[in-house]
Amino acid sequence: MSSTTNTTGNTGNTLKTATFACAWCGLTVSTFASDGARRNHCPSCLHSRHVADHVEGGPSACHGRMSPIAIAVLRTGDWMVVHRCVRCDELTSSPVCPDDNQLILMRVAVRPLAQPPFPLEAFGSL
């Protein structure tokens, strides 16, 4: 993750905007979503970078690409993107942001139904 600092006008006010480059599509992404919440994944492709070790706590030395593998829905109705690190297989989740790509969210959410781990022909004999 890199941080960029921009200055505005001659008043000396400084606007600090933290950004990161998406590990999958290369998009430059603000670490803040449109609603002001912190973001840790690309709103375009939903990929992330493994920078926090959620098992041990603290920063991660892995820095692998986190691929979106599922959508989880909390009891509150909030959606979470479930990521798996392609390097170390750690699983994490992060809240869906209002400006996330809705088509990609739906593709990830319906993937288990579109690609079940068993042959659909088995239902024909039930």
C-alpha atoms as a PDB file:
ATOM      1  CA  MET A   1       0.000   0.000   0.000  1.00  0.00           C
ATOM      2  CA  SER A   2       1.310   3.406  -0.875  1.00  0.00           C
ATOM      3  CA  SER A   3       0.252   6.794   0.348  1.00  0.00           C
ATOM      4  CA  THR A   4      -0.114   9.917  -1.743  1.00  0.00           C
ATOM      5  CA  THR A   5      -0.257  13.473  -0.427  1.00  0.00           C
ATOM      6  CA  ASN A   6      -1.808  16.288  -2.439  1.00  0.00           C
ATOM      7  CA  THR A   7      -1.859  19.952  -1.516  1.00  0.00           C
ATOM      8  CA  THR A   8      -4.808  22.124  -2.415  1.00  0.00           C
ATOM      9  CA  GLY A   9      -4.637  25.828  -3.299  1.00  0.00           C
ATOM     10  CA  ASN A  10      -2.374  28.376  -1.653  1.00  0.00           C
ATOM     11  CA  THR A  11      -3.996  28.054   1.774  1.00  0.00           C
ATOM     12  CA  GLY A  12      -1.588  25.371   2.956  1.00  0.00           C
ATOM     13  CA  ASN A  13      -4.376  22.833   3.553  1.00  0.00           C
ATOM     14  CA  THR A  14      -3.191  19.310   2.889  1.00  0.00           C
ATOM     15  CA  LEU A  15      -5.453  16.536   1.695  1.00  0.00           C
ATOM     16  CA  LYS A  16      -4.019  13.091   2.385  1.00  0.00           C
ATOM     17  CA  THR A  17      -5.341  10.268   0.271  1.00  0.00           C
ATOM     18  CA  ALA A  18      -4.066   6.744   0.830  1.00  0.00           C
ATOM     19  CA  THR A  19      -4.200   4.577  -2.277  1.00  0.00           C
ATOM     20  CA  PHE A  20      -3.082   1.139  -3.401  1.00  0.00           C
ATOM     21  CA  ALA A  21      -2.692  -0.560  -6.759  1.00  0.00           C
ATOM     22  CA  CYS A  22      -4.925  -3.596  -7.227  1.00  0.00           C
ATOM     23  CA  ALA A  23      -2.912  -6.830  -7.289  1.00  0.00           C
ATOM     24  CA  TRP A  24      -5.172  -8.270 -10.016  1.00  0.00           C
ATOM     25  CA  CYS A  25      -6.385  -5.504 -12.372  1.00  0.00           C
ATOM     26  CA  GLY A  26      -3.891  -2.711 -11.542  1.00  0.00           C
ATOM     27  CA  LEU A  27      -6.552  -0.089 -10.747  1.00  0.00           C
ATOM     28  CA  THR A  28      -5.399   2.662  -8.380  1.00  0.00           C
ATOM     29  CA  VAL A  29      -7.840   2.410  -5.466  1.00  0.00           C
ATOM     30  CA  SER A  30      -8.549   4.777  -2.575  1.00  0.00           C
ATOM     31  CA  THR A  31      -8.424   3.114   0.844  1.00  0.00           C
ATOM     32  CA  PHE A  32     -11.725   4.864   1.583  1.00  0.00           C
ATOM     33  CA  ALA A  33     -15.018   3.796  -0.012  1.00  0.00           C
ATOM     34  CA  SER A  34     -17.640   6.258  -1.227  1.00  0.00           C
ATOM     35  CA  ASP A  35     -19.325   6.190   2.203  1.00  0.00           C
ATOM     36  CA  GLY A  36     -16.032   7.011   3.992  1.00  0.00           C
ATOM     37  CA  ALA A  37     -15.478   3.503   5.371  1.00  0.00           C
ATOM     38  CA  ARG A  38     -12.014   1.943   5.062  1.00  0.00           C
ATOM     39  CA  ARG A  39     -11.595  -0.403   2.122  1.00  0.00           C
ATOM     40  CA  ASN A  40      -9.057  -3.196   1.651  1.00  0.00           C
ATOM     41  CA  HIS A  41     -10.150  -4.585  -1.721  1.00  0.00           C
ATOM     42  CA  CYS A  42     -10.530  -3.330  -5.270  1.00  0.00           C
ATOM     43  CA  PRO A  43     -14.069  -2.105  -6.030  1.00  0.00           C
ATOM     44  CA  SER A  44     -13.719  -3.221  -9.651  1.00  0.00           C
ATOM     45  CA  CYS A  45     -12.569  -6.862  -9.342  1.00  0.00           C
ATOM     46  CA  LEU A  46     -12.827  -7.419  -5.528  1.00  0.00           C
ATOM     47  CA  HIS A  47      -9.237  -8.738  -5.244  1.00  0.00           C
ATOM     48  CA  SER A  48      -7.071  -7.688  -2.321  1.00  0.00           C
ATOM     49  CA  ARG A  49      -3.516  -8.025  -1.003  1.00  0.00           C
ATOM     50  CA  HIS A  50      -2.586 -10.161   2.040  1.00  0.00           C
ATOM     51  CA  VAL A  51      -1.148  -7.457   4.298  1.00  0.00           C
ATOM     52  CA  ALA A  52      -2.747  -8.363   7.653  1.00  0.00           C
ATOM     53  CA  ASP A  53      -2.303 -11.696   9.413  1.00  0.00           C
ATOM     54  CA  HIS A  54      -5.771 -12.400  10.777  1.00  0.00           C
ATOM     55  CA  VAL A  55      -4.709 -15.638  12.498  1.00  0.00           C
ATOM     56  CA  GLU A  56      -1.694 -14.288  14.419  1.00  0.00           C
ATOM     57  CA  GLY A  57      -2.692 -10.621  14.389  1.00  0.00           C
ATOM     58  CA  GLY A  58      -0.528  -7.800  13.078  1.00  0.00           C
ATOM     59  CA  PRO A  59       1.029  -7.390   9.644  1.00  0.00           C
ATOM     60  CA  SER A  60       1.538 -10.328   7.295  1.00  0.00           C
ATOM     61  CA  ALA A  61       4.831 -11.173   5.640  1.00  0.00           C
ATOM     62  CA  CYS A  62       2.986 -13.023   2.856  1.00  0.00           C
ATOM     63  CA  HIS A  63       1.767 -10.122   0.661  1.00  0.00           C
ATOM     64  CA  GLY A  64       0.081 -12.625  -1.682  1.00  0.00           C
ATOM     65  CA  ARG A  65      -2.968 -11.800  -3.780  1.00  0.00           C
ATOM     66  CA  MET A  66      -6.288 -12.366  -2.022  1.00  0.00           C
ATOM     67  CA  SER A  67      -8.846 -13.772  -4.450  1.00  0.00           C
ATOM     68  CA  PRO A  68     -12.600 -13.332  -3.797  1.00  0.00           C
ATOM     69  CA  ILE A  69     -14.074 -16.822  -3.372  1.00  0.00           C
ATOM     70  CA  ALA A  70     -17.498 -16.274  -1.774  1.00  0.00           C
ATOM     71  CA  ILE A  71     -20.013 -13.866  -0.322  1.00  0.00           C
ATOM     72  CA  ALA A  72     -21.162 -14.319   3.264  1.00  0.00           C
ATOM     73  CA  VAL A  73     -24.315 -12.689   4.598  1.00  0.00           C
ATOM     74  CA  LEU A  74     -24.309 -11.750   8.280  1.00  0.00           C
ATOM     75  CA  ARG A  75     -27.374 -11.951  10.530  1.00  0.00           C
ATOM     76  CA  THR A  76     -27.642  -8.190  10.210  1.00  0.00           C
ATOM     77  CA  GLY A  77     -28.049  -8.564   6.436  1.00  0.00           C
ATOM     78  CA  ASP A  78     -24.617  -7.059   5.715  1.00  0.00           C
ATOM     79  CA  TRP A  79     -22.614  -8.742   2.952  1.00  0.00           C
ATOM     80  CA  MET A  80     -18.972  -9.733   3.393  1.00  0.00           C
ATOM     81  CA  VAL A  81     -16.477 -10.663   0.671  1.00  0.00           C
ATOM     82  CA  VAL A  82     -14.573 -13.827   1.621  1.00  0.00           C
ATOM     83  CA  HIS A  83     -11.000 -13.882   0.287  1.00  0.00           C
ATOM     84  CA  ARG A  84      -8.438 -16.686   0.060  1.00  0.00           C
ATOM     85  CA  CYS A  85      -4.732 -15.929  -0.285  1.00  0.00           C
ATOM     86  CA  VAL A  86      -3.354 -17.582  -3.429  1.00  0.00           C
ATOM     87  CA  ARG A  87       0.055 -17.934  -1.741  1.00  0.00           C
ATOM     88  CA  CYS A  88      -0.677 -19.231   1.798  1.00  0.00           C
ATOM     89  CA  ASP A  89      -4.430 -20.126   1.644  1.00  0.00           C
ATOM     90  CA  GLU A  90      -5.417 -17.933   4.633  1.00  0.00           C
ATOM     91  CA  LEU A  91      -9.102 -16.942   4.587  1.00  0.00           C
ATOM     92  CA  THR A  92     -10.317 -13.447   5.477  1.00  0.00           C
ATOM     93  CA  SER A  93     -13.484 -11.438   5.049  1.00  0.00           C
ATOM     94  CA  SER A  94     -14.209  -7.771   4.582  1.00  0.00           C
ATOM     95  CA  PRO A  95     -17.417  -5.760   4.289  1.00  0.00           C
ATOM     96  CA  VAL A  96     -18.881  -5.066   0.866  1.00  0.00           C
ATOM     97  CA  CYS A  97     -18.583  -1.361   0.040  1.00  0.00           C
ATOM     98  CA  PRO A  98     -21.370   0.664  -1.623  1.00  0.00           C
ATOM     99  CA  ASP A  99     -19.260   1.320  -4.733  1.00  0.00           C
ATOM    100  CA  ASP A 100     -18.152  -2.311  -5.273  1.00  0.00           C
ATOM    101  CA  ASN A 101     -18.889  -3.753  -8.719  1.00  0.00           C
ATOM    102  CA  GLN A 102     -22.381  -5.242  -8.300  1.00  0.00           C
ATOM    103  CA  LEU A 103     -22.014  -7.601 -11.275  1.00  0.00           C
ATOM    104  CA  ILE A 104     -18.827  -9.137  -9.827  1.00  0.00           C
ATOM    105  CA  LEU A 105     -20.474  -9.397  -6.383  1.00  0.00           C
ATOM    106  CA  MET A 106     -23.370 -11.368  -7.885  1.00  0.00           C
ATOM    107  CA  ARG A 107     -21.011 -13.588  -9.918  1.00  0.00           C
ATOM    108  CA  VAL A 108     -19.136 -14.511  -6.740  1.00  0.00           C
ATOM    109  CA  ALA A 109     -22.388 -14.991  -4.780  1.00  0.00           C
ATOM    110  CA  VAL A 110     -23.976 -17.399  -7.302  1.00  0.00           C
ATOM    111  CA  ARG A 111     -20.793 -19.323  -8.182  1.00  0.00           C
ATOM    112  CA  PRO A 112     -21.654 -22.246  -5.836  1.00  0.00           C
ATOM    113  CA  LEU A 113     -25.005 -22.639  -7.614  1.00  0.00           C
ATOM    114  CA  ALA A 114     -23.521 -22.277 -11.098  1.00  0.00           C
ATOM    115  CA  GLN A 115     -20.604 -24.648 -10.413  1.00  0.00           C
ATOM    116  CA  PRO A 116     -21.708 -27.170  -7.759  1.00  0.00           C
ATOM    117  CA  PRO A 117     -19.176 -29.730  -6.474  1.00  0.00           C
ATOM    118  CA  PHE A 118     -21.387 -32.585  -7.705  1.00  0.00           C
ATOM    119  CA  PRO A 119     -23.012 -33.438 -11.062  1.00  0.00           C
ATOM    120  CA  LEU A 120     -26.403 -31.777 -11.507  1.00  0.00           C
ATOM    121  CA  GLU A 121     -27.578 -34.882 -13.378  1.00  0.00           C
ATOM    122  CA  ALA A 122     -27.865 -36.589  -9.965  1.00  0.00           C
ATOM    123  CA  PHE A 123     -31.036 -34.563  -9.342  1.00  0.00           C
ATOM    124  CA  GLY A 124     -32.735 -36.182 -12.341  1.00  0.00           C
ATOM    125  CA  SER A 125     -32.853 -39.566 -10.602  1.00  0.00           C
ATOM    126  CA  LEU A 126     -34.350 -38.276  -7.314  1.00  0.00           C
END
